[in-house]
Amino acid sequence: MLSNEPDRACYGPKHVEVANERMAIQTLLITDELFRNSDVKTRKKYVNLVESVKDSGGDAFIFSAMHVSGEQLAQLTGIAALLRFPLPELEDIEM
């Protein structure tokens, strides 16, 4: 899917936030370091994001930073999403 439709994936907090506002997220991928952040404000932001994605019919997966998949996701800002539909305009938004 991603090789044929690269606009159906996004990485980084700002892009994922915009995609969520447009109810475009089918699958949210997030590291446990973000989801269980020691900063209460940051943690609440990501908990609310996960709940919002689930409320709109999407899935959310939390990856352990101790696992290879979580390490790889952390290298891509720690958060990514697979989208229901393409959002090519995300490229114009600065991260």
C-alpha atoms as a PDB file:
ATOM      1  CA  MET A   1       0.000   0.000   0.000  1.00  0.00           C
ATOM      2  CA  LEU A   2       2.642   2.553   1.004  1.00  0.00           C
ATOM      3  CA  SER A   3       4.723   2.018  -2.110  1.00  0.00           C
ATOM      4  CA  ASN A   4       1.647   2.678  -4.276  1.00  0.00           C
ATOM      5  CA  GLU A   5       0.062   5.396  -2.104  1.00  0.00           C
ATOM      6  CA  PRO A   6       2.708   7.173  -0.008  1.00  0.00           C
ATOM      7  CA  ASP A   7       0.171   9.908   0.858  1.00  0.00           C
ATOM      8  CA  ARG A   8      -1.663   7.351   3.014  1.00  0.00           C
ATOM      9  CA  ALA A   9       1.011   7.454   5.711  1.00  0.00           C
ATOM     10  CA  CYS A  10       2.252  10.244   7.926  1.00  0.00           C
ATOM     11  CA  TYR A  11       4.961  10.646  10.523  1.00  0.00           C
ATOM     12  CA  GLY A  12       5.544  13.130  13.291  1.00  0.00           C
ATOM     13  CA  PRO A  13       3.304  14.714  15.918  1.00  0.00           C
ATOM     14  CA  LYS A  14       2.087  17.648  13.806  1.00  0.00           C
ATOM     15  CA  HIS A  15       1.201  15.559  10.745  1.00  0.00           C
ATOM     16  CA  VAL A  16      -0.537  12.924  12.862  1.00  0.00           C
ATOM     17  CA  GLU A  17      -2.456  15.630  14.739  1.00  0.00           C
ATOM     18  CA  VAL A  18      -3.712  17.162  11.481  1.00  0.00           C
ATOM     19  CA  ALA A  19      -4.649  13.724  10.115  1.00  0.00           C
ATOM     20  CA  ASN A  20      -6.591  13.028  13.310  1.00  0.00           C
ATOM     21  CA  GLU A  21      -8.443  16.354  13.054  1.00  0.00           C
ATOM     22  CA  ARG A  22      -9.568  15.250   9.591  1.00  0.00           C
ATOM     23  CA  MET A  23     -10.576  11.810  10.936  1.00  0.00           C
ATOM     24  CA  ALA A  24      -8.204  10.216   8.430  1.00  0.00           C
ATOM     25  CA  ILE A  25      -6.341   7.837  10.762  1.00  0.00           C
ATOM     26  CA  GLN A  26      -7.079   4.156  10.269  1.00  0.00           C
ATOM     27  CA  THR A  27      -4.105   2.882  12.305  1.00  0.00           C
ATOM     28  CA  LEU A  28      -2.055   4.841  14.821  1.00  0.00           C
ATOM     29  CA  LEU A  29       1.445   3.653  15.714  1.00  0.00           C
ATOM     30  CA  ILE A  30       3.031   5.163  18.827  1.00  0.00           C
ATOM     31  CA  THR A  31       5.952   4.310  21.090  1.00  0.00           C
ATOM     32  CA  ASP A  32       5.411   3.637  24.760  1.00  0.00           C
ATOM     33  CA  GLU A  33       7.902   6.425  25.515  1.00  0.00           C
ATOM     34  CA  LEU A  34       5.419   8.971  24.148  1.00  0.00           C
ATOM     35  CA  PHE A  35       2.275   7.263  25.429  1.00  0.00           C
ATOM     36  CA  ARG A  36       3.659   6.867  28.962  1.00  0.00           C
ATOM     37  CA  ASN A  37       5.660  10.091  29.032  1.00  0.00           C
ATOM     38  CA  SER A  38       6.649  11.386  32.466  1.00  0.00           C
ATOM     39  CA  ASP A  39       5.375  14.863  31.559  1.00  0.00           C
ATOM     40  CA  VAL A  40       1.667  14.840  32.428  1.00  0.00           C
ATOM     41  CA  LYS A  41       0.686  17.301  29.692  1.00  0.00           C
ATOM     42  CA  THR A  42       2.491  15.293  27.007  1.00  0.00           C
ATOM     43  CA  ARG A  43       1.110  11.999  28.262  1.00  0.00           C
ATOM     44  CA  LYS A  44      -2.442  13.368  28.329  1.00  0.00           C
ATOM     45  CA  LYS A  45      -2.050  14.662  24.754  1.00  0.00           C
ATOM     46  CA  TYR A  46      -1.137  11.201  23.455  1.00  0.00           C
ATOM     47  CA  VAL A  47      -3.710   9.361  25.572  1.00  0.00           C
ATOM     48  CA  ASN A  48      -6.383  11.687  24.152  1.00  0.00           C
ATOM     49  CA  LEU A  49      -5.053  11.081  20.642  1.00  0.00           C
ATOM     50  CA  VAL A  50      -5.305   7.299  21.059  1.00  0.00           C
ATOM     51  CA  GLU A  51      -8.853   7.630  22.421  1.00  0.00           C
ATOM     52  CA  SER A  52      -9.843   9.928  19.549  1.00  0.00           C
ATOM     53  CA  VAL A  53      -8.529   7.488  16.938  1.00  0.00           C
ATOM     54  CA  LYS A  54     -10.397   4.610  18.584  1.00  0.00           C
ATOM     55  CA  ASP A  55     -13.594   6.692  18.861  1.00  0.00           C
ATOM     56  CA  SER A  56     -13.476   7.340  15.118  1.00  0.00           C
ATOM     57  CA  GLY A  57     -13.205   3.612  14.372  1.00  0.00           C
ATOM     58  CA  GLY A  58      -9.436   3.384  14.013  1.00  0.00           C
ATOM     59  CA  ASP A  59      -6.895   1.168  15.713  1.00  0.00           C
ATOM     60  CA  ALA A  60      -3.977   2.190  17.913  1.00  0.00           C
ATOM     61  CA  PHE A  61      -0.868   0.151  18.582  1.00  0.00           C
ATOM     62  CA  ILE A  62       1.675   0.994  21.269  1.00  0.00           C
ATOM     63  CA  PHE A  63       5.199  -0.255  20.596  1.00  0.00           C
ATOM     64  CA  SER A  64       7.762  -0.937  23.305  1.00  0.00           C
ATOM     65  CA  ALA A  65      10.979   1.029  22.960  1.00  0.00           C
ATOM     66  CA  MET A  66      12.723  -2.153  24.109  1.00  0.00           C
ATOM     67  CA  HIS A  67      11.657  -3.987  20.927  1.00  0.00           C
ATOM     68  CA  VAL A  68      13.176  -3.559  17.469  1.00  0.00           C
ATOM     69  CA  SER A  69       9.876  -2.294  16.024  1.00  0.00           C
ATOM     70  CA  GLY A  70       9.621   0.331  18.764  1.00  0.00           C
ATOM     71  CA  GLU A  71      13.210   1.405  18.173  1.00  0.00           C
ATOM     72  CA  GLN A  72      12.510   1.848  14.468  1.00  0.00           C
ATOM     73  CA  LEU A  73       9.343   3.835  15.162  1.00  0.00           C
ATOM     74  CA  ALA A  74      11.268   6.014  17.620  1.00  0.00           C
ATOM     75  CA  GLN A  75      13.678   6.866  14.790  1.00  0.00           C
ATOM     76  CA  LEU A  76      10.648   8.144  12.839  1.00  0.00           C
ATOM     77  CA  THR A  77       9.651  10.592  15.629  1.00  0.00           C
ATOM     78  CA  GLY A  78       7.910   7.937  17.746  1.00  0.00           C
ATOM     79  CA  ILE A  79       4.527   8.369  16.126  1.00  0.00           C
ATOM     80  CA  ALA A  80       3.073   7.501  12.727  1.00  0.00           C
ATOM     81  CA  ALA A  81      -0.290   6.761  11.158  1.00  0.00           C
ATOM     82  CA  LEU A  82      -1.729   4.804   8.269  1.00  0.00           C
ATOM     83  CA  LEU A  83      -4.561   6.788   6.747  1.00  0.00           C
ATOM     84  CA  ARG A  84      -8.021   5.896   5.464  1.00  0.00           C
ATOM     85  CA  PHE A  85      -7.535   8.211   2.522  1.00  0.00           C
ATOM     86  CA  PRO A  86      -4.587  10.162   1.098  1.00  0.00           C
ATOM     87  CA  LEU A  87      -3.699  13.554   2.535  1.00  0.00           C
ATOM     88  CA  PRO A  88      -1.106  14.931   0.103  1.00  0.00           C
ATOM     89  CA  GLU A  89      -1.405  18.389   1.670  1.00  0.00           C
ATOM     90  CA  LEU A  90       0.426  17.124   4.778  1.00  0.00           C
ATOM     91  CA  GLU A  91       3.681  17.581   2.878  1.00  0.00           C
ATOM     92  CA  ASP A  92       3.096  21.342   2.986  1.00  0.00           C
ATOM     93  CA  ILE A  93       2.885  21.379   6.798  1.00  0.00           C
ATOM     94  CA  GLU A  94       6.174  21.873   8.625  1.00  0.00           C
ATOM     95  CA  MET A  95       6.943  19.331  11.287  1.00  0.00           C
END
